[in-house]
């Protein structure tokens, strides 16, 4: 099992010190035989209270231990477009 939570708010058009945009990498055997969508739903459900109250954006990378042993990299988030669709 592995988990890494990264605050990416500084990459977005939000006040300094914000905690609104996150990326999470989760490795768990519970993800075996689940589609990516089902994995994301599990993570979203576990974080429902935080998502409803404080988090604007959450990027999820949910992997099985076997996938992580081959990949072991964190996907990069796209560059913020300034919140204005520019």
Protein backbone atom coordinates (compact mmCIF):
# COMPACT_ATOMS: atom_id res chain seq x y z
CA UNK A 1 0.00 0.00 0.00
CA UNK A 2 1.24 3.46 -0.89
CA UNK A 3 -0.37 6.89 -0.80
CA UNK A 4 0.93 10.33 -1.68
CA UNK A 5 -1.21 13.47 -1.43
CA UNK A 6 0.11 16.59 -3.15
CA UNK A 7 -1.32 20.07 -2.77
CA UNK A 8 -1.23 21.59 -6.25
CA UNK A 9 -3.14 24.75 -5.35
CA UNK A 10 -0.04 26.89 -5.94
CA UNK A 11 -0.30 25.98 -9.65
CA UNK A 12 -3.73 27.59 -9.91
CA UNK A 13 -5.32 31.01 -9.77
CA UNK A 14 -6.11 30.92 -6.04
CA UNK A 15 -4.82 32.90 -3.03
CA UNK A 16 -1.40 31.94 -1.70
CA UNK A 17 -1.62 29.19 0.92
CA UNK A 18 -4.85 27.75 -0.50
CA UNK A 19 -5.67 24.07 -0.16
CA UNK A 20 -8.16 23.62 -2.98
CA UNK A 21 -6.44 21.56 -5.68
CA UNK A 22 -4.93 18.16 -4.91
CA UNK A 23 -3.39 15.18 -6.64
CA UNK A 24 -3.44 11.80 -4.93
CA UNK A 25 -1.56 8.64 -5.87
CA UNK A 26 -2.97 5.55 -4.18
CA UNK A 27 -1.66 2.01 -4.56
CA UNK A 28 -3.80 -0.75 -3.11
CA UNK A 29 -4.59 -4.41 -3.73
CA UNK A 30 -8.26 -3.39 -3.35
CA UNK A 31 -8.03 -1.99 -6.88
CA UNK A 32 -7.33 -5.41 -8.41
CA UNK A 33 -9.91 -6.26 -11.10
CA UNK A 34 -11.58 -2.83 -10.82
CA UNK A 35 -11.86 -0.43 -13.73
CA UNK A 36 -10.30 3.00 -13.43
CA UNK A 37 -13.77 4.50 -13.00
CA UNK A 38 -14.61 2.17 -10.10
CA UNK A 39 -11.27 2.93 -8.45
CA UNK A 40 -11.92 6.66 -8.70
CA UNK A 41 -15.41 6.22 -7.28
CA UNK A 42 -13.97 4.42 -4.24
CA UNK A 43 -11.50 7.24 -3.62
CA UNK A 44 -14.16 9.91 -4.14
CA UNK A 45 -16.52 8.17 -1.73
CA UNK A 46 -13.79 7.91 0.92
CA UNK A 47 -13.14 11.65 0.57
CA UNK A 48 -16.77 12.75 0.10
CA UNK A 49 -16.89 15.03 3.16
CA UNK A 50 -13.70 16.88 2.20
CA UNK A 51 -14.72 17.12 -1.46
CA UNK A 52 -18.09 18.60 -0.56
CA UNK A 53 -16.64 21.14 1.86
CA UNK A 54 -13.18 22.28 0.81
CA UNK A 55 -11.67 20.70 -2.29
CA UNK A 56 -12.24 22.26 -5.69
CA UNK A 57 -10.25 19.74 -7.75
CA UNK A 58 -8.87 16.26 -7.14
CA UNK A 59 -6.70 14.36 -9.59
CA UNK A 60 -6.58 10.64 -8.82
CA UNK A 61 -4.01 8.07 -9.85
CA UNK A 62 -5.27 4.74 -8.42
CA UNK A 63 -3.05 1.74 -9.11
CA UNK A 64 -2.65 -1.88 -8.13
CA UNK A 65 0.67 -2.92 -6.56
CA UNK A 66 1.64 -4.65 -9.82
CA UNK A 67 0.91 -1.52 -11.86
CA UNK A 68 2.90 0.60 -9.40
CA UNK A 69 5.88 -1.76 -9.52
CA UNK A 70 6.08 -1.17 -13.29
CA UNK A 71 5.13 2.51 -13.36
CA UNK A 72 6.28 4.19 -10.12
CA UNK A 73 5.69 7.65 -11.52
CA UNK A 74 3.21 10.39 -10.80
CA UNK A 75 1.25 11.82 -13.71
CA UNK A 76 1.70 15.56 -14.13
CA UNK A 77 -1.30 17.85 -13.84
CA UNK A 78 -2.01 20.16 -16.77
CA UNK A 79 -0.98 23.78 -16.49
CA UNK A 80 -3.61 26.06 -14.97
CA UNK A 81 -5.39 28.17 -17.53
CA UNK A 82 -6.06 30.94 -15.03
CA UNK A 83 -9.61 29.99 -14.24
CA UNK A 84 -10.81 32.12 -17.13
CA UNK A 85 -10.64 29.52 -19.93
CA UNK A 86 -7.74 31.36 -21.55
